[in-house]
All heavy atoms as atom14 arrays in JSON, in Angstrom:
{
  "sequence": "VKRGGGLLIGGQAWHWSSSNGKQNALHAYPGNRITGLTGIYF",
  "atom14_mask": [
    [1, 1, 1, 1, 1, 1, 1, 0, 0, 0, 0, 0, 0, 0],
    [1, 1, 1, 1, 1, 1, 1, 1, 1, 0, 0, 0, 0, 0],
    [1, 1, 1, 1, 1, 1, 1, 1, 1, 1, 1, 0, 0, 0],
    [1, 1, 1, 1, 0, 0, 0, 0, 0, 0, 0, 0, 0, 0],
    [1, 1, 1, 1, 0, 0, 0, 0, 0, 0, 0, 0, 0, 0],
    [1, 1, 1, 1, 0, 0, 0, 0, 0, 0, 0, 0, 0, 0],
    [1, 1, 1, 1, 1, 1, 1, 1, 0, 0, 0, 0, 0, 0],
    [1, 1, 1, 1, 1, 1, 1, 1, 0, 0, 0, 0, 0, 0],
    [1, 1, 1, 1, 1, 1, 1, 1, 0, 0, 0, 0, 0, 0],
    [1, 1, 1, 1, 0, 0, 0, 0, 0, 0, 0, 0, 0, 0],
    [1, 1, 1, 1, 0, 0, 0, 0, 0, 0, 0, 0, 0, 0],
    [1, 1, 1, 1, 1, 1, 1, 1, 1, 0, 0, 0, 0, 0],
    [1, 1, 1, 1, 1, 0, 0, 0, 0, 0, 0, 0, 0, 0],
    [1, 1, 1, 1, 1, 1, 1, 1, 1, 1, 1, 1, 1, 1],
    [1, 1, 1, 1, 1, 1, 1, 1, 1, 1, 0, 0, 0, 0],
    [1, 1, 1, 1, 1, 1, 1, 1, 1, 1, 1, 1, 1, 1],
    [1, 1, 1, 1, 1, 1, 0, 0, 0, 0, 0, 0, 0, 0],
    [1, 1, 1, 1, 1, 1, 0, 0, 0, 0, 0, 0, 0, 0],
    [1, 1, 1, 1, 1, 1, 0, 0, 0, 0, 0, 0, 0, 0],
    [1, 1, 1, 1, 1, 1, 1, 1, 0, 0, 0, 0, 0, 0],
    [1, 1, 1, 1, 0, 0, 0, 0, 0, 0, 0, 0, 0, 0],
    [1, 1, 1, 1, 1, 1, 1, 1, 1, 0, 0, 0, 0, 0],
    [1, 1, 1, 1, 1, 1, 1, 1, 1, 0, 0, 0, 0, 0],
    [1, 1, 1, 1, 1, 1, 1, 1, 0, 0, 0, 0, 0, 0],
    [1, 1, 1, 1, 1, 0, 0, 0, 0, 0, 0, 0, 0, 0],
    [1, 1, 1, 1, 1, 1, 1, 1, 0, 0, 0, 0, 0, 0],
    [1, 1, 1, 1, 1, 1, 1, 1, 1, 1, 0, 0, 0, 0],
    [1, 1, 1, 1, 1, 0, 0, 0, 0, 0, 0, 0, 0, 0],
    [1, 1, 1, 1, 1, 1, 1, 1, 1, 1, 1, 1, 0, 0],
    [1, 1, 1, 1, 1, 1, 1, 0, 0, 0, 0, 0, 0, 0],
    [1, 1, 1, 1, 0, 0, 0, 0, 0, 0, 0, 0, 0, 0],
    [1, 1, 1, 1, 1, 1, 1, 1, 0, 0, 0, 0, 0, 0],
    [1, 1, 1, 1, 1, 1, 1, 1, 1, 1, 1, 0, 0, 0],
    [1, 1, 1, 1, 1, 1, 1, 1, 0, 0, 0, 0, 0, 0],
    [1, 1, 1, 1, 1, 1, 1, 0, 0, 0, 0, 0, 0, 0],
    [1, 1, 1, 1, 0, 0, 0, 0, 0, 0, 0, 0, 0, 0],
    [1, 1, 1, 1, 1, 1, 1, 1, 0, 0, 0, 0, 0, 0],
    [1, 1, 1, 1, 1, 1, 1, 0, 0, 0, 0, 0, 0, 0],
    [1, 1, 1, 1, 0, 0, 0, 0, 0, 0, 0, 0, 0, 0],
    [1, 1, 1, 1, 1, 1, 1, 1, 0, 0, 0, 0, 0, 0],
    [1, 1, 1, 1, 1, 1, 1, 1, 1, 1, 1, 1, 0, 0],
    [1, 1, 1, 1, 1, 1, 1, 1, 1, 1, 1, 0, 0, 0]
  ],
  "atom14_positions": [
    [[0.82, -1.25, -0.06], [-0.14, 0.03, 0.04], [0.83, 1.36, 0.08], [0.65, 2.25, -0.81], [-0.98, 0.05, 1.18], [-1.78, 1.37, 1.23], [-1.93, -1.21, 1.04], [0.0, 0.0, 0.0], [0.0, 0.0, 0.0], [0.0, 0.0, 0.0], [0.0, 0.0, 0.0], [0.0, 0.0, 0.0], [0.0, 0.0, 0.0], [0.0, 0.0, 0.0]],
    [[1.9, 1.22, 0.82], [2.79, 2.41, 0.83], [3.45, 2.68, -0.37], [3.55, 3.97, -0.82], [4.01, 2.18, 1.97], [4.69, 3.38, 2.3], [5.65, 3.03, 3.34], [5.64, 3.94, 4.52], [6.71, 3.7, 5.44], [0.0, 0.0, 0.0], [0.0, 0.0, 0.0], [0.0, 0.0, 0.0], [0.0, 0.0, 0.0], [0.0, 0.0, 0.0]],
    [[3.74, 1.75, -1.31], [4.34, 1.97, -2.57], [3.19, 2.39, -3.62], [3.55, 2.68, -4.83], [5.0, 0.72, -3.13], [6.3, 0.42, -2.4], [7.16, -0.65, -2.88], [6.33, -1.88, -3.45], [6.14, -2.9, -2.68], [6.63, -3.1, -1.45], [5.32, -3.99, -3.16], [0.0, 0.0, 0.0], [0.0, 0.0, 0.0], [0.0, 0.0, 0.0]],
    [[1.92, 2.39, -3.26], [0.9, 2.84, -4.18], [-0.1, 1.85, -4.43], [-1.01, 2.06, -5.33], [0.0, 0.0, 0.0], [0.0, 0.0, 0.0], [0.0, 0.0, 0.0], [0.0, 0.0, 0.0], [0.0, 0.0, 0.0], [0.0, 0.0, 0.0], [0.0, 0.0, 0.0], [0.0, 0.0, 0.0], [0.0, 0.0, 0.0], [0.0, 0.0, 0.0]],
    [[-0.01, 0.63, -3.83], [-1.18, -0.29, -4.2], [-2.42, -0.01, -3.35], [-2.48, 0.97, -2.49], [0.0, 0.0, 0.0], [0.0, 0.0, 0.0], [0.0, 0.0, 0.0], [0.0, 0.0, 0.0], [0.0, 0.0, 0.0], [0.0, 0.0, 0.0], [0.0, 0.0, 0.0], [0.0, 0.0, 0.0], [0.0, 0.0, 0.0], [0.0, 0.0, 0.0]],
    [[-3.61, -0.77, -3.65], [-4.82, -0.62, -2.88], [-5.18, -1.77, -2.13], [-4.84, -2.89, -2.68], [0.0, 0.0, 0.0], [0.0, 0.0, 0.0], [0.0, 0.0, 0.0], [0.0, 0.0, 0.0], [0.0, 0.0, 0.0], [0.0, 0.0, 0.0], [0.0, 0.0, 0.0], [0.0, 0.0, 0.0], [0.0, 0.0, 0.0], [0.0, 0.0, 0.0]],
    [[-5.89, -1.64, -1.15], [-6.21, -2.63, -0.22], [-7.65, -2.64, 0.08], [-8.08, -1.55, 0.58], [-5.45, -2.8, 1.0], [-5.85, -3.94, 2.01], [-5.47, -5.24, 1.5], [-5.15, -3.66, 3.37], [0.0, 0.0, 0.0], [0.0, 0.0, 0.0], [0.0, 0.0, 0.0], [0.0, 0.0, 0.0], [0.0, 0.0, 0.0], [0.0, 0.0, 0.0]],
    [[-8.59, -3.7, -0.22], [-9.8, -3.79, 0.33], [-9.82, -4.86, 1.4], [-9.38, -6.12, 0.95], [-10.8, -4.22, -0.94], [-12.3, -4.48, -0.48], [-12.93, -3.22, 0.07], [-12.99, -5.05, -1.63], [0.0, 0.0, 0.0], [0.0, 0.0, 0.0], [0.0, 0.0, 0.0], [0.0, 0.0, 0.0], [0.0, 0.0, 0.0], [0.0, 0.0, 0.0]],
    [[-10.19, -4.55, 2.6], [-10.1, -5.54, 3.55], [-11.36, -5.36, 4.44], [-11.88, -4.37, 4.62], [-8.8, -5.26, 4.42], [-8.56, -6.33, 5.52], [-8.84, -3.79, 5.12], [-7.31, -6.37, 6.32], [0.0, 0.0, 0.0], [0.0, 0.0, 0.0], [0.0, 0.0, 0.0], [0.0, 0.0, 0.0], [0.0, 0.0, 0.0], [0.0, 0.0, 0.0]],
    [[-11.87, -6.63, 4.8], [-13.15, -6.66, 5.56], [-12.97, -7.72, 6.7], [-12.3, -8.78, 6.51], [0.0, 0.0, 0.0], [0.0, 0.0, 0.0], [0.0, 0.0, 0.0], [0.0, 0.0, 0.0], [0.0, 0.0, 0.0], [0.0, 0.0, 0.0], [0.0, 0.0, 0.0], [0.0, 0.0, 0.0], [0.0, 0.0, 0.0], [0.0, 0.0, 0.0]],
    [[-13.73, -7.43, 7.86], [-13.71, -8.34, 8.96], [-14.53, -7.69, 10.07], [-14.95, -6.55, 10.01], [0.0, 0.0, 0.0], [0.0, 0.0, 0.0], [0.0, 0.0, 0.0], [0.0, 0.0, 0.0], [0.0, 0.0, 0.0], [0.0, 0.0, 0.0], [0.0, 0.0, 0.0], [0.0, 0.0, 0.0], [0.0, 0.0, 0.0], [0.0, 0.0, 0.0]],
    [[-14.82, -8.53, 10.94], [-15.54, -8.04, 12.24], [-14.88, -8.59, 13.54], [-14.63, -9.72, 13.51], [-17.04, -8.28, 12.16], [-17.44, -9.6, 11.82], [-17.51, -10.54, 12.92], [-17.59, -10.15, 14.12], [-17.6, -11.85, 12.79], [0.0, 0.0, 0.0], [0.0, 0.0, 0.0], [0.0, 0.0, 0.0], [0.0, 0.0, 0.0], [0.0, 0.0, 0.0]],
    [[-14.68, -7.77, 14.3], [-13.93, -8.1, 15.61], [-14.74, -8.44, 16.81], [-14.19, -8.94, 17.66], [-12.97, -6.96, 15.87], [0.0, 0.0, 0.0], [0.0, 0.0, 0.0], [0.0, 0.0, 0.0], [0.0, 0.0, 0.0], [0.0, 0.0, 0.0], [0.0, 0.0, 0.0], [0.0, 0.0, 0.0], [0.0, 0.0, 0.0], [0.0, 0.0, 0.0]],
    [[-16.07, -8.07, 16.83], [-16.76, -8.4, 18.05], [-16.84, -9.93, 18.14], [-16.71, -10.39, 19.36], [-18.19, -7.83, 18.01], [-19.17, -8.28, 16.88], [-19.36, -7.87, 15.7], [-19.92, -9.56, 17.09], [-20.29, -8.68, 15.04], [-20.56, -9.68, 15.89], [-20.18, -10.42, 18.06], [-21.42, -10.68, 15.59], [-21.07, -11.5, 17.89], [-21.61, -11.64, 16.66]],
    [[-17.06, -10.7, 17.09], [-17.19, -12.09, 17.31], [-15.76, -12.75, 17.6], [-15.64, -13.7, 18.47], [-17.77, -12.83, 16.07], [-17.95, -14.36, 16.09], [-17.03, -15.13, 15.72], [-18.96, -15.01, 16.64], [-17.38, -16.38, 15.93], [-18.66, -16.35, 16.49], [0.0, 0.0, 0.0], [0.0, 0.0, 0.0], [0.0, 0.0, 0.0], [0.0, 0.0, 0.0]],
    [[-14.82, -12.29, 16.86], [-13.4, -12.6, 17.19], [-13.07, -12.39, 18.61], [-12.51, -13.33, 19.28], [-12.47, -11.96, 16.16], [-10.95, -12.2, 16.44], [-10.26, -13.07, 15.85], [-10.18, -11.55, 17.46], [-9.01, -13.14, 16.44], [-8.89, -12.29, 17.41], [-10.26, -10.55, 18.41], [-7.83, -11.83, 18.2], [-9.32, -10.2, 19.21], [-8.07, -10.9, 19.12]],
    [[-13.34, -11.18, 19.28], [-12.95, -10.83, 20.42], [-13.84, -11.84, 21.38], [-13.21, -12.3, 22.43], [-13.53, -9.45, 20.76], [-13.17, -9.06, 22.08], [0.0, 0.0, 0.0], [0.0, 0.0, 0.0], [0.0, 0.0, 0.0], [0.0, 0.0, 0.0], [0.0, 0.0, 0.0], [0.0, 0.0, 0.0], [0.0, 0.0, 0.0], [0.0, 0.0, 0.0]],
    [[-15.08, -12.22, 21.29], [-15.69, -13.1, 22.18], [-15.26, -14.46, 22.09], [-15.35, -15.26, 23.06], [-17.35, -13.1, 21.9], [-17.49, -13.48, 20.49], [0.0, 0.0, 0.0], [0.0, 0.0, 0.0], [0.0, 0.0, 0.0], [0.0, 0.0, 0.0], [0.0, 0.0, 0.0], [0.0, 0.0, 0.0], [0.0, 0.0, 0.0], [0.0, 0.0, 0.0]],
    [[-14.69, -14.82, 20.92], [-14.14, -16.23, 20.66], [-12.62, -16.35, 21.2], [-12.17, -17.48, 21.25], [-14.16, -16.58, 19.19], [-15.45, -16.63, 18.72], [0.0, 0.0, 0.0], [0.0, 0.0, 0.0], [0.0, 0.0, 0.0], [0.0, 0.0, 0.0], [0.0, 0.0, 0.0], [0.0, 0.0, 0.0], [0.0, 0.0, 0.0], [0.0, 0.0, 0.0]],
    [[-12.12, -15.14, 21.55], [-10.63, -15.18, 22.0], [-10.64, -14.65, 23.37], [-9.64, -13.79, 23.6], [-9.93, -14.35, 20.96], [-9.65, -15.18, 19.72], [-8.79, -16.03, 19.52], [-10.51, -14.89, 18.68], [0.0, 0.0, 0.0], [0.0, 0.0, 0.0], [0.0, 0.0, 0.0], [0.0, 0.0, 0.0], [0.0, 0.0, 0.0], [0.0, 0.0, 0.0]],
    [[-11.4, -15.17, 24.24], [-11.33, -14.74, 25.66], [-11.52, -13.3, 25.95], [-10.85, -12.83, 26.85], [0.0, 0.0, 0.0], [0.0, 0.0, 0.0], [0.0, 0.0, 0.0], [0.0, 0.0, 0.0], [0.0, 0.0, 0.0], [0.0, 0.0, 0.0], [0.0, 0.0, 0.0], [0.0, 0.0, 0.0], [0.0, 0.0, 0.0], [0.0, 0.0, 0.0]],
    [[-12.37, -12.65, 25.16], [-12.68, -11.18, 25.36], [-11.49, -10.42, 25.27], [-11.41, -9.34, 25.94], [-13.35, -10.97, 26.77], [-14.71, -11.78, 26.84], [-15.77, -11.04, 26.18], [-17.16, -11.58, 26.54], [-18.13, -11.2, 25.71], [0.0, 0.0, 0.0], [0.0, 0.0, 0.0], [0.0, 0.0, 0.0], [0.0, 0.0, 0.0], [0.0, 0.0, 0.0]],
    [[-10.48, -10.69, 24.46], [-9.33, -9.91, 24.27], [-9.77, -8.5, 23.8], [-10.72, -8.47, 23.04], [-8.41, -10.55, 23.23], [-7.77, -11.9, 23.74], [-6.68, -12.24, 22.8], [-5.84, -11.47, 22.33], [-6.61, -13.66, 22.46], [0.0, 0.0, 0.0], [0.0, 0.0, 0.0], [0.0, 0.0, 0.0], [0.0, 0.0, 0.0], [0.0, 0.0, 0.0]],
    [[-8.95, -7.53, 23.9], [-9.26, -6.28, 23.43], [-8.95, -6.22, 21.96], [-7.86, -6.33, 21.62], [-8.23, -5.2, 24.3], [-8.58, -3.79, 23.77], [-9.04, -3.58, 22.7], [-8.33, -2.85, 24.81], [0.0, 0.0, 0.0], [0.0, 0.0, 0.0], [0.0, 0.0, 0.0], [0.0, 0.0, 0.0], [0.0, 0.0, 0.0], [0.0, 0.0, 0.0]],
    [[-10.02, -5.94, 21.27], [-9.93, -5.97, 19.87], [-8.96, -5.02, 19.34], [-8.23, -5.2, 18.27], [-11.29, -5.98, 19.21], [0.0, 0.0, 0.0], [0.0, 0.0, 0.0], [0.0, 0.0, 0.0], [0.0, 0.0, 0.0], [0.0, 0.0, 0.0], [0.0, 0.0, 0.0], [0.0, 0.0, 0.0], [0.0, 0.0, 0.0], [0.0, 0.0, 0.0]],
    [[-8.91, -3.79, 19.83], [-7.97, -2.67, 19.35], [-6.65, -3.05, 19.36], [-5.87, -2.68, 18.49], [-8.28, -1.37, 20.09], [-9.7, -0.62, 19.97], [-9.71, 0.54, 20.91], [-9.84, -0.4, 18.4], [0.0, 0.0, 0.0], [0.0, 0.0, 0.0], [0.0, 0.0, 0.0], [0.0, 0.0, 0.0], [0.0, 0.0, 0.0], [0.0, 0.0, 0.0]],
    [[-6.28, -3.89, 20.32], [-4.87, -4.25, 20.51], [-4.43, -5.69, 19.9], [-3.43, -5.96, 19.43], [-4.33, -4.28, 21.89], [-4.48, -2.89, 22.58], [-3.78, -1.69, 22.06], [-5.38, -2.48, 23.49], [-4.13, -0.67, 22.82], [-5.14, -1.11, 23.58], [0.0, 0.0, 0.0], [0.0, 0.0, 0.0], [0.0, 0.0, 0.0], [0.0, 0.0, 0.0]],
    [[-5.36, -6.59, 19.99], [-5.15, -7.87, 19.47], [-5.74, -8.4, 18.15], [-5.26, -9.39, 17.76], [-5.57, -8.89, 20.65], [0.0, 0.0, 0.0], [0.0, 0.0, 0.0], [0.0, 0.0, 0.0], [0.0, 0.0, 0.0], [0.0, 0.0, 0.0], [0.0, 0.0, 0.0], [0.0, 0.0, 0.0], [0.0, 0.0, 0.0], [0.0, 0.0, 0.0]],
    [[-6.67, -7.78, 17.79], [-7.4, -8.29, 16.51], [-6.34, -8.27, 15.35], [-5.83, -7.18, 15.04], [-8.72, -7.46, 16.24], [-9.46, -7.97, 14.96], [-9.94, -9.09, 14.95], [-9.61, -7.05, 13.85], [-10.81, -9.65, 13.9], [-10.4, -7.62, 12.77], [-10.88, -8.81, 12.89], [-11.53, -9.18, 11.67], [0.0, 0.0, 0.0], [0.0, 0.0, 0.0]],
    [[-6.23, -9.27, 14.54], [-5.2, -9.23, 13.46], [-5.33, -8.31, 12.62], [-4.25, -7.61, 12.03], [-5.36, -10.63, 12.88], [-6.0, -11.55, 14.01], [-6.78, -10.6, 14.79], [0.0, 0.0, 0.0], [0.0, 0.0, 0.0], [0.0, 0.0, 0.0], [0.0, 0.0, 0.0], [0.0, 0.0, 0.0], [0.0, 0.0, 0.0], [0.0, 0.0, 0.0]],
    [[-6.5, -7.94, 12.1], [-6.78, -6.85, 11.07], [-6.29, -5.41, 11.51], [-5.88, -4.6, 10.7], [0.0, 0.0, 0.0], [0.0, 0.0, 0.0], [0.0, 0.0, 0.0], [0.0, 0.0, 0.0], [0.0, 0.0, 0.0], [0.0, 0.0, 0.0], [0.0, 0.0, 0.0], [0.0, 0.0, 0.0], [0.0, 0.0, 0.0], [0.0, 0.0, 0.0]],
    [[-6.27, -5.12, 12.75], [-5.83, -3.92, 13.23], [-4.29, -3.69, 13.13], [-3.96, -2.64, 13.16], [-6.32, -3.64, 14.68], [-7.75, -3.38, 14.83], [-8.39, -2.84, 13.84], [-8.35, -3.63, 15.97], [0.0, 0.0, 0.0], [0.0, 0.0, 0.0], [0.0, 0.0, 0.0], [0.0, 0.0, 0.0], [0.0, 0.0, 0.0], [0.0, 0.0, 0.0]],
    [[-3.65, -4.8, 13.0], [-2.19, -4.69, 12.81], [-1.95, -4.1, 11.31], [-0.91, -3.46, 11.13], [-1.63, -5.91, 13.11], [-1.54, -6.34, 14.51], [-0.84, -7.62, 14.87], [-0.87, -7.93, 16.17], [-1.69, -9.0, 16.62], [-2.35, -9.69, 15.82], [-1.7, -9.17, 17.84], [0.0, 0.0, 0.0], [0.0, 0.0, 0.0], [0.0, 0.0, 0.0]],
    [[-2.9, -4.45, 10.48], [-2.9, -3.99, 9.03], [-3.34, -2.69, 9.02], [-2.76, -1.84, 8.37], [-3.53, -4.97, 8.16], [-2.86, -6.3, 8.22], [-3.56, -4.46, 6.67], [-3.72, -7.53, 7.71], [0.0, 0.0, 0.0], [0.0, 0.0, 0.0], [0.0, 0.0, 0.0], [0.0, 0.0, 0.0], [0.0, 0.0, 0.0], [0.0, 0.0, 0.0]],
    [[-4.52, -2.37, 9.42], [-5.24, -1.1, 9.26], [-4.96, -0.06, 10.15], [-5.18, 1.23, 9.87], [-6.73, -1.28, 9.21], [-7.27, -1.78, 10.48], [-7.19, -2.37, 8.09], [0.0, 0.0, 0.0], [0.0, 0.0, 0.0], [0.0, 0.0, 0.0], [0.0, 0.0, 0.0], [0.0, 0.0, 0.0], [0.0, 0.0, 0.0], [0.0, 0.0, 0.0]],
    [[-4.48, -0.39, 11.35], [-4.26, 0.6, 12.41], [-3.31, 1.76, 12.01], [-3.53, 2.98, 12.34], [0.0, 0.0, 0.0], [0.0, 0.0, 0.0], [0.0, 0.0, 0.0], [0.0, 0.0, 0.0], [0.0, 0.0, 0.0], [0.0, 0.0, 0.0], [0.0, 0.0, 0.0], [0.0, 0.0, 0.0], [0.0, 0.0, 0.0], [0.0, 0.0, 0.0]],
    [[-2.33, 1.49, 11.26], [-1.32, 2.49, 10.87], [-2.03, 3.57, 10.0], [-1.5, 4.66, 9.78], [-0.09, 1.93, 10.18], [0.8, 1.29, 11.0], [2.13, 0.62, 10.21], [1.46, 2.09, 12.09], [0.0, 0.0, 0.0], [0.0, 0.0, 0.0], [0.0, 0.0, 0.0], [0.0, 0.0, 0.0], [0.0, 0.0, 0.0], [0.0, 0.0, 0.0]],
    [[-3.13, 3.27, 9.27], [-3.9, 4.19, 8.46], [-4.86, 4.86, 9.29], [-5.61, 5.81, 8.61], [-4.45, 3.45, 7.29], [-5.61, 2.68, 7.72], [-3.49, 2.54, 6.47], [0.0, 0.0, 0.0], [0.0, 0.0, 0.0], [0.0, 0.0, 0.0], [0.0, 0.0, 0.0], [0.0, 0.0, 0.0], [0.0, 0.0, 0.0], [0.0, 0.0, 0.0]],
    [[-5.12, 4.53, 10.51], [-6.15, 5.3, 11.39], [-7.38, 4.58, 11.35], [-8.31, 5.3, 11.92], [0.0, 0.0, 0.0], [0.0, 0.0, 0.0], [0.0, 0.0, 0.0], [0.0, 0.0, 0.0], [0.0, 0.0, 0.0], [0.0, 0.0, 0.0], [0.0, 0.0, 0.0], [0.0, 0.0, 0.0], [0.0, 0.0, 0.0], [0.0, 0.0, 0.0]],
    [[-7.52, 3.42, 10.99], [-8.88, 2.69, 10.94], [-8.68, 1.53, 11.79], [-7.68, 0.67, 11.6], [-9.34, 2.29, 9.54], [-9.45, 3.48, 8.62], [-10.68, 1.55, 9.61], [-9.81, 3.12, 7.15], [0.0, 0.0, 0.0], [0.0, 0.0, 0.0], [0.0, 0.0, 0.0], [0.0, 0.0, 0.0], [0.0, 0.0, 0.0], [0.0, 0.0, 0.0]],
    [[-9.55, 1.34, 12.78], [-9.53, 0.1, 13.71], [-10.85, -0.57, 13.76], [-11.95, 0.08, 13.81], [-9.22, 0.54, 15.08], [-7.81, 1.35, 15.31], [-7.63, 2.66, 14.96], [-6.75, 0.41, 15.68], [-6.27, 3.17, 15.05], [-5.53, 1.04, 15.86], [-5.36, 2.38, 15.43], [-4.08, 3.09, 15.6], [0.0, 0.0, 0.0], [0.0, 0.0, 0.0]],
    [[-10.84, -1.92, 13.73], [-11.85, -2.76, 13.97], [-12.19, -2.74, 15.5], [-11.2, -2.92, 16.23], [-11.65, -4.21, 13.51], [-11.5, -4.3, 11.94], [-10.18, -4.25, 11.51], [-12.58, -4.5, 11.24], [-9.9, -4.37, 10.03], [-12.34, -4.72, 9.69], [-10.99, -4.56, 9.35], [0.0, 0.0, 0.0], [0.0, 0.0, 0.0], [0.0, 0.0, 0.0]]
  ]
}
């Protein structure tokens, strides 16, 4: 993406969070490691 590519990404963290011991989605949800640097968080 940084070099100029585009990314379409989808997911939902509420179910993931409930299935992973109520982990904090902002810090632990895998998609946030990808989208977080752009300012978007699941």
